[in-house]
Amino acid sequence: MATQQSKAHRVGEWANVRGTSTEIAEAIFEVANYDEKLAETIWEQQGSDEVLLRAFDKTDSDVLTWDNKVVERKNV
């Protein structure tokens, strides 16, 4: 569920443009304390364990995407 902060930063749109699951985008912004420049840097690094753990905590899905690359829960 999107928080007020994630709505304010248009996280859903941000995720869609980058081919990234909303859950991952929300987790990126949480880790970045909603600093968009830092969020972009984290996204570019593609593989933060902290982000992935947070993202999978937000969903029952076993598969998410990060820059159109599949990330499986079992690999986190």
N, C-alpha and C. Protein backbone atom coordinates (compact mmCIF):
# COMPACT_ATOMS: atom_id res chain seq x y z
N MET A 1 0.84 -1.19 0.00
CA MET A 1 0.00 0.00 0.00
C MET A 1 0.88 1.25 0.00
N ALA A 2 0.60 2.16 -0.86
CA ALA A 2 1.41 3.37 -0.99
C ALA A 2 1.21 4.30 0.20
N THR A 3 2.31 4.85 0.68
CA THR A 3 2.24 5.82 1.76
C THR A 3 2.01 7.20 1.17
N GLN A 4 1.70 8.14 2.04
CA GLN A 4 1.52 9.52 1.57
C GLN A 4 2.81 10.04 0.94
N GLN A 5 3.96 9.68 1.55
CA GLN A 5 5.23 10.14 0.99
C GLN A 5 5.47 9.54 -0.39
N SER A 6 5.16 8.27 -0.56
CA SER A 6 5.39 7.66 -1.87
C SER A 6 4.46 8.26 -2.91
N LYS A 7 3.24 8.59 -2.50
CA LYS A 7 2.31 9.25 -3.43
C LYS A 7 2.84 10.62 -3.82
N ALA A 8 3.36 11.35 -2.85
CA ALA A 8 3.88 12.70 -3.11
C ALA A 8 5.05 12.66 -4.08
N HIS A 9 5.81 11.59 -4.03
CA HIS A 9 6.97 11.48 -4.93
C HIS A 9 6.63 10.73 -6.21
N ARG A 10 5.37 10.39 -6.39
CA ARG A 10 4.91 9.70 -7.60
C ARG A 10 5.73 8.43 -7.85
N VAL A 11 5.88 7.66 -6.79
CA VAL A 11 6.70 6.46 -6.85
C VAL A 11 6.19 5.48 -7.91
N GLY A 12 4.88 5.35 -8.04
CA GLY A 12 4.33 4.44 -9.03
C GLY A 12 4.76 4.81 -10.44
N GLU A 13 4.69 6.08 -10.76
CA GLU A 13 5.14 6.55 -12.08
C GLU A 13 6.63 6.34 -12.25
N TRP A 14 7.38 6.68 -11.21
CA TRP A 14 8.83 6.54 -11.20
C TRP A 14 9.20 5.08 -11.49
N ALA A 15 8.51 4.16 -10.84
CA ALA A 15 8.75 2.73 -11.03
C ALA A 15 8.43 2.30 -12.45
N ASN A 16 7.29 2.73 -12.95
CA ASN A 16 6.84 2.34 -14.28
C ASN A 16 7.83 2.78 -15.36
N VAL A 17 8.30 4.00 -15.27
CA VAL A 17 9.24 4.53 -16.25
C VAL A 17 10.54 3.72 -16.25
N ARG A 18 10.90 3.18 -15.09
CA ARG A 18 12.17 2.46 -14.95
C ARG A 18 12.02 0.95 -15.04
N GLY A 19 10.84 0.46 -15.37
CA GLY A 19 10.63 -0.98 -15.49
C GLY A 19 10.89 -1.71 -14.19
N THR A 20 10.45 -1.08 -13.10
CA THR A 20 10.72 -1.59 -11.76
C THR A 20 9.41 -1.77 -11.01
N SER A 21 9.32 -2.85 -10.25
CA SER A 21 8.12 -3.09 -9.44
C SER A 21 7.91 -1.94 -8.46
N THR A 22 6.66 -1.61 -8.23
CA THR A 22 6.32 -0.54 -7.29
C THR A 22 6.88 -0.83 -5.91
N GLU A 23 6.83 -2.08 -5.50
CA GLU A 23 7.35 -2.44 -4.17
C GLU A 23 8.84 -2.12 -4.05
N ILE A 24 9.59 -2.39 -5.11
CA ILE A 24 11.03 -2.06 -5.09
C ILE A 24 11.22 -0.56 -5.08
N ALA A 25 10.45 0.15 -5.89
CA ALA A 25 10.57 1.61 -5.92
C ALA A 25 10.24 2.22 -4.56
N GLU A 26 9.18 1.73 -3.92
CA GLU A 26 8.83 2.24 -2.59
C GLU A 26 9.95 1.97 -1.60
N ALA A 27 10.53 0.78 -1.66
CA ALA A 27 11.62 0.44 -0.75
C ALA A 27 12.85 1.30 -1.03
N ILE A 28 13.14 1.57 -2.29
CA ILE A 28 14.25 2.45 -2.64
C ILE A 28 14.05 3.82 -2.02
N PHE A 29 12.86 4.38 -2.17
CA PHE A 29 12.59 5.71 -1.62
C PHE A 29 12.65 5.71 -0.10
N GLU A 30 12.20 4.64 0.53
CA GLU A 30 12.29 4.54 1.99
C GLU A 30 13.76 4.57 2.44
N VAL A 31 14.59 3.76 1.80
CA VAL A 31 16.00 3.70 2.14
C VAL A 31 16.67 5.05 1.88
N ALA A 32 16.23 5.74 0.84
CA ALA A 32 16.81 7.04 0.47
C ALA A 32 16.18 8.20 1.26
N ASN A 33 15.30 7.88 2.20
CA ASN A 33 14.58 8.92 2.96
C ASN A 33 13.89 9.92 2.03
N TYR A 34 13.36 9.41 0.93
CA TYR A 34 12.60 10.18 -0.06
C TYR A 34 13.42 11.28 -0.75
N ASP A 35 14.73 11.10 -0.79
CA ASP A 35 15.63 11.97 -1.55
C ASP A 35 15.71 11.39 -2.96
N GLU A 36 15.16 12.11 -3.93
CA GLU A 36 15.06 11.57 -5.28
C GLU A 36 16.42 11.30 -5.93
N LYS A 37 17.41 12.15 -5.67
CA LYS A 37 18.74 11.92 -6.25
C LYS A 37 19.36 10.65 -5.67
N LEU A 38 19.23 10.46 -4.38
CA LEU A 38 19.76 9.25 -3.75
C LEU A 38 18.98 8.02 -4.23
N ALA A 39 17.68 8.16 -4.38
CA ALA A 39 16.86 7.06 -4.89
C ALA A 39 17.34 6.64 -6.27
N GLU A 40 17.63 7.59 -7.11
CA GLU A 40 18.12 7.29 -8.46
C GLU A 40 19.46 6.55 -8.40
N THR A 41 20.33 6.96 -7.50
CA THR A 41 21.63 6.30 -7.34
C THR A 41 21.45 4.86 -6.88
N ILE A 42 20.57 4.65 -5.92
CA ILE A 42 20.30 3.30 -5.42
C ILE A 42 19.73 2.44 -6.55
N TRP A 43 18.81 3.00 -7.30
CA TRP A 43 18.20 2.25 -8.41
C TRP A 43 19.26 1.84 -9.43
N GLU A 44 20.18 2.75 -9.75
CA GLU A 44 21.22 2.46 -10.73
C GLU A 44 22.15 1.34 -10.27
N GLN A 45 22.33 1.19 -8.96
CA GLN A 45 23.22 0.15 -8.43
C GLN A 45 22.61 -1.24 -8.55
N GLN A 46 21.30 -1.32 -8.66
CA GLN A 46 20.57 -2.57 -8.90
C GLN A 46 21.02 -3.76 -8.06
N GLY A 47 20.74 -3.74 -6.79
CA GLY A 47 21.04 -4.92 -6.03
C GLY A 47 21.17 -4.72 -4.54
N SER A 48 20.59 -3.70 -4.01
CA SER A 48 20.67 -3.46 -2.57
C SER A 48 19.85 -4.51 -1.82
N ASP A 49 20.53 -5.27 -0.96
CA ASP A 49 19.83 -6.28 -0.16
C ASP A 49 18.77 -5.65 0.73
N GLU A 50 19.11 -4.51 1.32
CA GLU A 50 18.14 -3.83 2.19
C GLU A 50 16.87 -3.47 1.42
N VAL A 51 17.03 -2.96 0.21
CA VAL A 51 15.87 -2.60 -0.62
C VAL A 51 15.07 -3.85 -0.95
N LEU A 52 15.74 -4.89 -1.36
CA LEU A 52 15.02 -6.10 -1.76
C LEU A 52 14.28 -6.75 -0.60
N LEU A 53 14.89 -6.78 0.57
CA LEU A 53 14.20 -7.32 1.74
C LEU A 53 12.95 -6.52 2.05
N ARG A 54 13.06 -5.20 2.02
CA ARG A 54 11.90 -4.33 2.27
C ARG A 54 10.83 -4.54 1.20
N ALA A 55 11.26 -4.64 -0.05
CA ALA A 55 10.31 -4.80 -1.15
C ALA A 55 9.52 -6.09 -1.01
N PHE A 56 10.19 -7.19 -0.73
CA PHE A 56 9.48 -8.47 -0.61
C PHE A 56 8.61 -8.51 0.65
N ASP A 57 8.94 -7.71 1.65
CA ASP A 57 8.06 -7.61 2.84
C ASP A 57 6.73 -6.95 2.49
N LYS A 58 6.69 -6.21 1.38
CA LYS A 58 5.49 -5.48 0.97
C LYS A 58 4.53 -6.32 0.12
N THR A 59 4.92 -7.54 -0.22
CA THR A 59 4.11 -8.33 -1.14
C THR A 59 4.22 -9.83 -0.84
N ASP A 60 3.25 -10.57 -1.34
CA ASP A 60 3.29 -12.02 -1.26
C ASP A 60 3.92 -12.62 -2.53
N SER A 61 4.16 -11.77 -3.51
CA SER A 61 4.72 -12.23 -4.78
C SER A 61 6.13 -12.80 -4.58
N ASP A 62 6.47 -13.81 -5.35
CA ASP A 62 7.80 -14.40 -5.29
C ASP A 62 8.74 -13.81 -6.33
N VAL A 63 8.22 -12.91 -7.18
CA VAL A 63 9.02 -12.32 -8.25
C VAL A 63 8.71 -10.83 -8.35
N LEU A 64 9.76 -10.01 -8.39
CA LEU A 64 9.63 -8.58 -8.64
C LEU A 64 10.60 -8.22 -9.76
N THR A 65 10.50 -7.00 -10.27
CA THR A 65 11.42 -6.57 -11.32
C THR A 65 12.17 -5.32 -10.90
N TRP A 66 13.43 -5.27 -11.32
CA TRP A 66 14.29 -4.11 -11.09
C TRP A 66 14.93 -3.82 -12.42
N ASP A 67 14.57 -2.72 -13.03
CA ASP A 67 15.07 -2.35 -14.37
C ASP A 67 14.84 -3.48 -15.37
N ASN A 68 13.62 -3.98 -15.37
CA ASN A 68 13.19 -5.06 -16.27
C ASN A 68 13.93 -6.37 -16.05
N LYS A 69 14.63 -6.50 -14.93
CA LYS A 69 15.31 -7.76 -14.59
C LYS A 69 14.54 -8.42 -13.46
N VAL A 70 14.31 -9.71 -13.60
CA VAL A 70 13.54 -10.48 -12.62
C VAL A 70 14.39 -10.72 -11.37
N VAL A 71 13.78 -10.47 -10.22
CA VAL A 71 14.40 -10.75 -8.93
C VAL A 71 13.48 -11.71 -8.21
N GLU A 72 14.00 -12.86 -7.82
CA GLU A 72 13.18 -13.86 -7.15
C GLU A 72 13.42 -13.80 -5.64
N ARG A 73 12.31 -13.96 -4.90
CA ARG A 73 12.38 -13.93 -3.45
C ARG A 73 13.43 -14.92 -2.91
N LYS A 74 13.48 -16.10 -3.49
CA LYS A 74 14.37 -17.14 -2.99
C LYS A 74 15.85 -16.76 -3.11
N ASN A 75 16.16 -15.76 -3.95
CA ASN A 75 17.55 -15.34 -4.15
C ASN A 75 17.94 -14.15 -3.28
N VAL A 76 17.01 -13.72 -2.43
CA VAL A 76 17.30 -12.55 -1.59
C VAL A 76 17.69 -13.00 -0.21
